[in-house]
Amino acid sequence: MIAEAIIKDGGLFIPGVEDQVKVRKDKVTIQFTILDGISLPQHDPFIQAAGILKGRIIDPLKYQKELRDEWGH
């Protein structure tokens, strides 16, 4: 089984692992290998949008209003 894990707060979170493991326990032992250099899917919109607002000073309420105005047309 290969699953993607999220590293956060000093731990690993593997979304949907309960369905993949087919074991209903509070704890499981896993062996994992860190794979360096994995190419991330470029079609992922979150990856494509990463950093688009970096370095910009944005008024969040003004930004939200502009987006909603845009959606209304």
Protein backbone atom coordinates (compact mmCIF):
# COMPACT_ATOMS: atom_id res chain seq x y z
CA MET A 1 0.00 0.00 0.00
CA ILE A 2 1.22 3.49 -0.82
CA ALA A 3 -0.43 6.45 0.90
CA GLU A 4 0.37 10.15 1.13
CA ALA A 5 0.91 11.53 4.63
CA ILE A 6 0.70 15.08 5.92
CA ILE A 7 3.46 16.14 8.32
CA LYS A 8 2.05 18.42 11.02
CA ASP A 9 2.76 19.21 14.65
CA GLY A 10 5.57 16.67 14.86
CA GLY A 11 3.47 13.80 13.57
CA LEU A 12 2.04 12.19 10.47
CA PHE A 13 -1.57 12.24 9.34
CA ILE A 14 -2.65 9.76 6.66
CA PRO A 15 -6.13 10.68 5.42
CA GLY A 16 -8.47 7.73 4.82
CA VAL A 17 -6.03 5.16 6.19
CA GLU A 18 -8.78 3.34 8.10
CA ASP A 19 -10.42 2.31 4.82
CA GLN A 20 -7.12 1.15 3.32
CA VAL A 21 -5.76 -0.80 6.31
CA LYS A 22 -8.94 -2.78 7.01
CA VAL A 23 -7.97 -3.01 10.68
CA ARG A 24 -10.08 -1.41 13.39
CA LYS A 25 -7.63 -0.67 16.19
CA ASP A 26 -6.52 2.45 18.00
CA LYS A 27 -2.89 1.82 17.06
CA VAL A 28 -1.09 0.22 14.16
CA THR A 29 2.61 -0.24 13.46
CA ILE A 30 3.78 0.92 10.06
CA GLN A 31 7.08 0.90 8.24
CA PHE A 32 7.68 3.80 5.92
CA THR A 33 10.39 5.11 3.64
CA ILE A 34 10.98 8.79 2.97
CA LEU A 35 11.14 9.33 -0.77
CA ASP A 36 13.05 12.45 -1.75
CA GLY A 37 12.57 14.07 -5.11
CA ILE A 38 9.02 12.95 -5.76
CA SER A 39 7.58 15.12 -8.48
CA LEU A 40 4.34 16.72 -7.39
CA PRO A 41 1.42 16.61 -9.79
CA GLN A 42 1.44 19.93 -11.64
CA HIS A 43 -2.28 19.68 -12.37
CA ASP A 44 -3.07 20.07 -8.66
CA PRO A 45 -4.70 23.51 -8.29
CA PHE A 46 -3.32 23.93 -4.76
CA ILE A 47 0.22 23.47 -6.03
CA GLN A 48 -0.40 25.83 -8.95
CA ALA A 49 -1.83 28.52 -6.65
CA ALA A 50 0.86 28.24 -3.98
CA GLY A 51 2.48 31.61 -3.35
CA ILE A 52 0.32 33.75 -5.65
CA LEU A 53 -0.36 36.25 -2.87
CA LYS A 54 3.13 36.17 -1.36
CA GLY A 55 4.55 39.63 -0.73
CA ARG A 56 1.25 41.41 -1.32
CA ILE A 57 -0.47 43.43 1.38
CA ILE A 58 -4.14 42.64 1.00
CA ASP A 59 -7.16 43.92 2.89
CA PRO A 60 -9.05 40.63 3.36
CA LEU A 61 -12.49 42.23 3.44
CA LYS A 62 -11.83 44.27 0.30
CA TYR A 63 -10.46 41.16 -1.43
CA GLN A 64 -13.55 39.15 -0.44
CA LYS A 65 -15.89 41.89 -1.69
CA GLU A 66 -14.06 42.06 -5.03
CA LEU A 67 -14.33 38.30 -5.47
CA ARG A 68 -18.03 38.29 -4.62
CA ASP A 69 -18.66 41.18 -6.98
CA GLU A 70 -16.86 39.20 -9.66
CA TRP A 71 -19.00 36.11 -9.00
CA GLY A 72 -22.20 38.16 -9.21
CA HIS A 73 -21.65 39.06 -12.88
